[in-house]
Amino acid sequence: MPRIANPLTQEEHMLLEAGATLFDEAKFWHAHEAWEDLWNDLKRRAASEDEILLVQGLIQTAALLLHHQRRNVGGVEKQWAKLQPKLEGWTDAWGFDIATHLAVIQTYAEDNTTWNLTASAHQLPRA
């Protein structure tokens, strides 16, 4: 059964979108920072654990792509191991296609050491 995300507050939605815009511009570090603010807000208001982990998984996808850009094998491997269980089971959330995003991120994890893919080519898919 797919997971369902509850609506975000206006401020949370703005942080989500800010991170998505930065992510789509391949500014992975900055996306990570914007989403970390969202992650902290969700924890403060005691959002569901699944939603908190979803945002943490998005943060880790930005970190994985940053490591991929830097050709950091260990960094890619560690981020993939951490983010995969957090994003599995989601189809979409808050207007984003999480299942497709996870499938694409997996291709970057598998590209580790060959570096045939360009991290800046991936954009967060909309649902």
N, C-alpha and C. Protein backbone atom coordinates (compact mmCIF):
# COMPACT_ATOMS: atom_id res chain seq x y z
N MET A 1 0.84 -1.19 0.00
CA MET A 1 0.00 0.00 0.00
C MET A 1 0.89 1.25 0.00
N PRO A 2 0.65 2.17 -0.93
CA PRO A 2 1.49 3.37 -0.99
C PRO A 2 1.28 4.27 0.22
N ARG A 3 2.32 4.96 0.56
CA ARG A 3 2.26 5.91 1.67
C ARG A 3 1.60 7.20 1.18
N ILE A 4 0.93 7.89 2.09
CA ILE A 4 0.24 9.13 1.75
C ILE A 4 0.76 10.24 2.67
N ALA A 5 1.17 11.34 2.05
CA ALA A 5 1.69 12.49 2.81
C ALA A 5 0.55 13.44 3.16
N ASN A 6 0.55 13.91 4.39
CA ASN A 6 -0.41 14.92 4.83
C ASN A 6 -0.02 16.27 4.24
N PRO A 7 -0.96 17.19 4.14
CA PRO A 7 -0.63 18.52 3.62
C PRO A 7 0.41 19.22 4.49
N LEU A 8 1.20 20.04 3.82
CA LEU A 8 2.20 20.86 4.51
C LEU A 8 1.60 22.21 4.84
N THR A 9 2.18 22.88 5.83
CA THR A 9 1.79 24.27 6.08
C THR A 9 2.34 25.11 4.92
N GLN A 10 1.89 26.34 4.83
CA GLN A 10 2.36 27.22 3.76
C GLN A 10 3.88 27.41 3.84
N GLU A 11 4.40 27.61 5.05
CA GLU A 11 5.85 27.80 5.22
C GLU A 11 6.61 26.52 4.83
N GLU A 12 6.09 25.38 5.23
CA GLU A 12 6.74 24.12 4.88
C GLU A 12 6.73 23.91 3.37
N HIS A 13 5.60 24.23 2.74
CA HIS A 13 5.51 24.09 1.28
C HIS A 13 6.54 25.00 0.59
N MET A 14 6.71 26.20 1.12
CA MET A 14 7.70 27.12 0.54
C MET A 14 9.11 26.55 0.66
N LEU A 15 9.43 25.94 1.80
CA LEU A 15 10.75 25.32 1.97
C LEU A 15 10.93 24.13 1.02
N LEU A 16 9.87 23.33 0.86
CA LEU A 16 9.93 22.20 -0.06
C LEU A 16 10.21 22.69 -1.48
N GLU A 17 9.47 23.68 -1.91
CA GLU A 17 9.63 24.21 -3.27
C GLU A 17 10.97 24.91 -3.45
N ALA A 18 11.44 25.62 -2.44
CA ALA A 18 12.75 26.26 -2.53
C ALA A 18 13.83 25.21 -2.73
N GLY A 19 13.75 24.13 -1.96
CA GLY A 19 14.72 23.05 -2.11
C GLY A 19 14.63 22.40 -3.48
N ALA A 20 13.40 22.21 -3.97
CA ALA A 20 13.21 21.59 -5.28
C ALA A 20 13.79 22.46 -6.40
N THR A 21 13.59 23.76 -6.29
CA THR A 21 14.14 24.68 -7.29
C THR A 21 15.67 24.61 -7.29
N LEU A 22 16.25 24.64 -6.12
CA LEU A 22 17.71 24.55 -6.02
C LEU A 22 18.22 23.20 -6.52
N PHE A 23 17.50 22.14 -6.19
CA PHE A 23 17.86 20.80 -6.66
C PHE A 23 17.85 20.77 -8.19
N ASP A 24 16.78 21.31 -8.79
CA ASP A 24 16.67 21.31 -10.26
C ASP A 24 17.73 22.16 -10.93
N GLU A 25 18.29 23.10 -10.19
CA GLU A 25 19.39 23.93 -10.71
C GLU A 25 20.75 23.29 -10.42
N ALA A 26 20.73 22.05 -9.90
CA ALA A 26 21.94 21.29 -9.55
C ALA A 26 22.74 21.97 -8.44
N LYS A 27 22.05 22.73 -7.60
CA LYS A 27 22.66 23.34 -6.43
C LYS A 27 22.33 22.43 -5.25
N PHE A 28 22.96 21.26 -5.27
CA PHE A 28 22.59 20.19 -4.34
C PHE A 28 22.85 20.54 -2.89
N TRP A 29 23.93 21.22 -2.62
CA TRP A 29 24.22 21.61 -1.23
C TRP A 29 23.14 22.54 -0.72
N HIS A 30 22.75 23.51 -1.53
CA HIS A 30 21.75 24.49 -1.13
C HIS A 30 20.36 23.85 -1.00
N ALA A 31 20.05 22.90 -1.88
CA ALA A 31 18.79 22.16 -1.77
C ALA A 31 18.76 21.40 -0.45
N HIS A 32 19.89 20.78 -0.14
CA HIS A 32 20.04 20.04 1.12
C HIS A 32 19.72 20.95 2.30
N GLU A 33 20.25 22.16 2.28
CA GLU A 33 20.04 23.11 3.37
C GLU A 33 18.57 23.53 3.49
N ALA A 34 17.93 23.83 2.35
CA ALA A 34 16.52 24.23 2.38
C ALA A 34 15.65 23.09 2.90
N TRP A 35 15.92 21.88 2.43
CA TRP A 35 15.14 20.74 2.88
C TRP A 35 15.44 20.39 4.34
N GLU A 36 16.64 20.69 4.79
CA GLU A 36 16.94 20.44 6.21
C GLU A 36 16.09 21.35 7.10
N ASP A 37 15.85 22.58 6.66
CA ASP A 37 14.96 23.46 7.42
C ASP A 37 13.55 22.87 7.47
N LEU A 38 13.09 22.32 6.35
CA LEU A 38 11.78 21.66 6.31
C LEU A 38 11.76 20.46 7.24
N TRP A 39 12.78 19.65 7.18
CA TRP A 39 12.91 18.46 8.01
C TRP A 39 12.81 18.84 9.50
N ASN A 40 13.53 19.89 9.90
CA ASN A 40 13.49 20.35 11.29
C ASN A 40 12.10 20.87 11.67
N ASP A 41 11.44 21.58 10.75
CA ASP A 41 10.08 22.06 11.02
C ASP A 41 9.12 20.89 11.22
N LEU A 42 9.24 19.87 10.39
CA LEU A 42 8.37 18.70 10.53
C LEU A 42 8.60 17.99 11.86
N LYS A 43 9.84 17.90 12.27
CA LYS A 43 10.14 17.26 13.56
C LYS A 43 9.57 18.09 14.71
N ARG A 44 9.68 19.42 14.62
CA ARG A 44 9.17 20.30 15.68
C ARG A 44 7.66 20.17 15.86
N ARG A 45 6.95 20.01 14.77
CA ARG A 45 5.50 19.93 14.88
C ARG A 45 5.01 18.48 15.01
N ALA A 46 5.93 17.57 15.17
CA ALA A 46 5.60 16.15 15.36
C ALA A 46 4.80 15.59 14.19
N ALA A 47 5.26 15.86 12.98
CA ALA A 47 4.67 15.27 11.78
C ALA A 47 4.88 13.76 11.84
N SER A 48 4.26 13.04 10.93
CA SER A 48 4.41 11.59 10.94
C SER A 48 5.87 11.20 10.67
N GLU A 49 6.27 10.10 11.26
CA GLU A 49 7.65 9.61 11.07
C GLU A 49 7.93 9.35 9.59
N ASP A 50 6.95 8.83 8.85
CA ASP A 50 7.14 8.58 7.41
C ASP A 50 7.45 9.87 6.66
N GLU A 51 6.76 10.95 7.00
CA GLU A 51 6.99 12.23 6.32
C GLU A 51 8.35 12.80 6.68
N ILE A 52 8.73 12.68 7.92
CA ILE A 52 10.05 13.16 8.35
C ILE A 52 11.14 12.38 7.62
N LEU A 53 10.97 11.07 7.52
CA LEU A 53 11.96 10.25 6.82
C LEU A 53 11.95 10.51 5.32
N LEU A 54 10.79 10.82 4.75
CA LEU A 54 10.71 11.17 3.33
C LEU A 54 11.58 12.39 3.05
N VAL A 55 11.43 13.42 3.85
CA VAL A 55 12.24 14.63 3.64
C VAL A 55 13.72 14.33 3.87
N GLN A 56 14.02 13.52 4.87
CA GLN A 56 15.41 13.14 5.09
C GLN A 56 15.95 12.38 3.87
N GLY A 57 15.13 11.53 3.27
CA GLY A 57 15.53 10.83 2.05
C GLY A 57 15.79 11.78 0.90
N LEU A 58 14.97 12.82 0.76
CA LEU A 58 15.21 13.82 -0.29
C LEU A 58 16.53 14.54 -0.05
N ILE A 59 16.78 14.89 1.21
CA ILE A 59 18.05 15.52 1.57
C ILE A 59 19.21 14.62 1.15
N GLN A 60 19.07 13.35 1.41
CA GLN A 60 20.15 12.41 1.10
C GLN A 60 20.30 12.19 -0.41
N THR A 61 19.22 12.38 -1.20
CA THR A 61 19.39 12.28 -2.65
C THR A 61 20.24 13.45 -3.15
N ALA A 62 20.02 14.63 -2.56
CA ALA A 62 20.86 15.78 -2.94
C ALA A 62 22.31 15.51 -2.57
N ALA A 63 22.53 14.93 -1.39
CA ALA A 63 23.90 14.60 -0.97
C ALA A 63 24.52 13.56 -1.89
N LEU A 64 23.74 12.55 -2.28
CA LEU A 64 24.26 11.52 -3.19
C LEU A 64 24.71 12.15 -4.50
N LEU A 65 23.88 13.03 -5.06
CA LEU A 65 24.26 13.64 -6.34
C LEU A 65 25.47 14.56 -6.19
N LEU A 66 25.60 15.22 -5.06
CA LEU A 66 26.79 16.03 -4.80
C LEU A 66 28.03 15.13 -4.76
N HIS A 67 27.93 14.00 -4.07
CA HIS A 67 29.05 13.05 -4.04
C HIS A 67 29.34 12.49 -5.44
N HIS A 68 28.29 12.25 -6.20
CA HIS A 68 28.48 11.75 -7.57
C HIS A 68 29.24 12.78 -8.40
N GLN A 69 28.86 14.05 -8.29
CA GLN A 69 29.57 15.11 -9.02
C GLN A 69 31.05 15.13 -8.66
N ARG A 70 31.33 14.87 -7.39
CA ARG A 70 32.72 14.91 -6.91
C ARG A 70 33.44 13.57 -7.07
N ARG A 71 32.73 12.60 -7.65
CA ARG A 71 33.29 11.24 -7.87
C ARG A 71 33.78 10.61 -6.56
N ASN A 72 32.96 10.77 -5.55
CA ASN A 72 33.25 10.22 -4.23
C ASN A 72 32.50 8.90 -4.08
N VAL A 73 33.18 7.80 -4.37
CA VAL A 73 32.57 6.47 -4.36
C VAL A 73 31.92 6.16 -3.02
N GLY A 74 32.66 6.33 -1.94
CA GLY A 74 32.13 6.02 -0.62
C GLY A 74 30.93 6.87 -0.25
N GLY A 75 30.97 8.14 -0.61
CA GLY A 75 29.86 9.03 -0.31
C GLY A 75 28.58 8.60 -1.03
N VAL A 76 28.71 8.22 -2.30
CA VAL A 76 27.55 7.75 -3.06
C VAL A 76 26.99 6.48 -2.42
N GLU A 77 27.87 5.54 -2.10
CA GLU A 77 27.43 4.27 -1.51
C GLU A 77 26.71 4.49 -0.18
N LYS A 78 27.27 5.32 0.67
CA LYS A 78 26.67 5.57 1.99
C LYS A 78 25.31 6.24 1.87
N GLN A 79 25.21 7.24 1.00
CA GLN A 79 23.93 7.94 0.85
C GLN A 79 22.87 7.02 0.26
N TRP A 80 23.23 6.20 -0.71
CA TRP A 80 22.27 5.27 -1.30
C TRP A 80 21.73 4.30 -0.24
N ALA A 81 22.61 3.78 0.58
CA ALA A 81 22.20 2.83 1.62
C ALA A 81 21.24 3.49 2.62
N LYS A 82 21.45 4.77 2.89
CA LYS A 82 20.61 5.47 3.86
C LYS A 82 19.27 5.91 3.27
N LEU A 83 19.28 6.38 2.03
CA LEU A 83 18.07 6.98 1.47
C LEU A 83 17.08 5.97 0.91
N GLN A 84 17.57 4.85 0.40
CA GLN A 84 16.69 3.90 -0.25
C GLN A 84 15.52 3.45 0.64
N PRO A 85 15.77 3.01 1.86
CA PRO A 85 14.62 2.58 2.68
C PRO A 85 13.67 3.72 3.05
N LYS A 86 14.15 4.95 3.04
CA LYS A 86 13.30 6.08 3.40
C LYS A 86 12.33 6.44 2.28
N LEU A 87 12.74 6.20 1.03
CA LEU A 87 11.90 6.59 -0.11
C LEU A 87 11.11 5.42 -0.70
N GLU A 88 11.50 4.20 -0.37
CA GLU A 88 10.75 3.04 -0.88
C GLU A 88 9.33 3.07 -0.33
N GLY A 89 8.39 2.68 -1.15
CA GLY A 89 7.00 2.62 -0.73
C GLY A 89 6.21 3.89 -1.02
N TRP A 90 6.90 4.97 -1.37
CA TRP A 90 6.22 6.20 -1.75
C TRP A 90 5.98 6.17 -3.26
N THR A 91 4.81 6.59 -3.69
CA THR A 91 4.58 6.80 -5.12
C THR A 91 4.76 8.28 -5.41
N ASP A 92 3.96 9.10 -4.74
CA ASP A 92 4.13 10.54 -4.88
C ASP A 92 3.83 11.20 -3.54
N ALA A 93 4.32 12.41 -3.41
CA ALA A 93 4.09 13.19 -2.19
C ALA A 93 4.29 14.66 -2.50
N TRP A 94 3.35 15.46 -2.04
CA TRP A 94 3.44 16.92 -2.14
C TRP A 94 3.73 17.40 -3.57
N GLY A 95 3.18 16.67 -4.56
CA GLY A 95 3.32 17.08 -5.95
C GLY A 95 4.55 16.54 -6.64
N PHE A 96 5.30 15.67 -5.99
CA PHE A 96 6.51 15.09 -6.59
C PHE A 96 6.34 13.58 -6.77
N ASP A 97 6.89 13.07 -7.86
CA ASP A 97 6.86 11.64 -8.16
C ASP A 97 8.06 10.98 -7.49
N ILE A 98 7.85 10.51 -6.28
CA ILE A 98 8.95 9.97 -5.47
C ILE A 98 9.44 8.64 -6.03
N ALA A 99 8.54 7.80 -6.53
CA ALA A 99 8.94 6.50 -7.07
C ALA A 99 9.87 6.67 -8.27
N THR A 100 9.53 7.58 -9.17
CA THR A 100 10.40 7.83 -10.33
C THR A 100 11.72 8.43 -9.88
N HIS A 101 11.66 9.35 -8.94
CA HIS A 101 12.88 9.97 -8.41
C HIS A 101 13.82 8.90 -7.83
N LEU A 102 13.27 7.99 -7.04
CA LEU A 102 14.09 6.93 -6.45
C LEU A 102 14.71 6.05 -7.53
N ALA A 103 13.93 5.73 -8.56
CA ALA A 103 14.45 4.89 -9.65
C ALA A 103 15.62 5.58 -10.37
N VAL A 104 15.49 6.89 -10.58
CA VAL A 104 16.58 7.63 -11.23
C VAL A 104 17.80 7.72 -10.33
N ILE A 105 17.58 7.99 -9.06
CA ILE A 105 18.71 8.07 -8.12
C ILE A 105 19.45 6.73 -8.07
N GLN A 106 18.71 5.64 -8.18
CA GLN A 106 19.36 4.32 -8.21
C GLN A 106 20.33 4.21 -9.38
N THR A 107 19.99 4.81 -10.53
CA THR A 107 20.91 4.76 -11.67
C THR A 107 22.21 5.49 -11.36
N TYR A 108 22.12 6.56 -10.56
CA TYR A 108 23.34 7.27 -10.17
C TYR A 108 24.14 6.44 -9.17
N ALA A 109 23.47 5.73 -8.29
CA ALA A 109 24.17 4.84 -7.36
C ALA A 109 24.89 3.73 -8.12
N GLU A 110 24.24 3.22 -9.16
CA GLU A 110 24.85 2.16 -9.96
C GLU A 110 25.95 2.68 -10.87
N ASP A 111 25.92 3.96 -11.18
CA ASP A 111 26.94 4.60 -12.04
C ASP A 111 28.21 4.92 -11.25
N ASN A 112 28.16 4.66 -9.97
CA ASN A 112 29.30 4.90 -9.08
C ASN A 112 30.52 4.16 -9.62
N THR A 113 31.59 4.82 -9.82
CA THR A 113 32.90 4.37 -10.34
C THR A 113 33.01 4.46 -11.86
N THR A 114 31.89 4.49 -12.58
CA THR A 114 32.00 4.65 -14.04
C THR A 114 31.78 6.09 -14.46
N TRP A 115 30.95 6.80 -13.72
CA TRP A 115 30.71 8.24 -13.90
C TRP A 115 30.22 8.59 -15.30
N ASN A 116 29.34 7.77 -15.85
CA ASN A 116 28.78 8.05 -17.17
C ASN A 116 27.62 9.05 -17.13
N LEU A 117 27.00 9.17 -15.97
CA LEU A 117 25.86 10.08 -15.83
C LEU A 117 26.32 11.44 -15.33
N THR A 118 25.52 12.44 -15.61
CA THR A 118 25.80 13.80 -15.16
C THR A 118 24.74 14.18 -14.13
N ALA A 119 25.16 14.38 -12.89
CA ALA A 119 24.22 14.64 -11.79
C ALA A 119 23.33 15.84 -12.08
N SER A 120 23.85 16.86 -12.72
CA SER A 120 23.07 18.07 -12.96
C SER A 120 21.94 17.83 -13.97
N ALA A 121 21.91 16.68 -14.62
CA ALA A 121 20.87 16.38 -15.60
C ALA A 121 19.55 15.96 -14.95
N HIS A 122 19.61 15.52 -13.69
CA HIS A 122 18.39 15.04 -13.03
C HIS A 122 17.63 16.18 -12.37
N GLN A 123 16.33 16.19 -12.61
CA GLN A 123 15.46 17.13 -11.93
C GLN A 123 14.41 16.34 -11.17
N LEU A 124 13.96 16.89 -10.08
CA LEU A 124 12.96 16.23 -9.24
C LEU A 124 11.67 16.12 -10.05
N PRO A 125 11.22 14.89 -10.34
CA PRO A 125 10.03 14.75 -11.19
C PRO A 125 8.74 15.14 -10.47
N ARG A 126 7.90 15.83 -11.17
CA ARG A 126 6.59 16.24 -10.63
C ARG A 126 5.58 15.14 -10.87
N ALA A 127 4.65 15.03 -9.94
CA ALA A 127 3.60 14.01 -10.07
C ALA A 127 2.50 14.52 -10.98
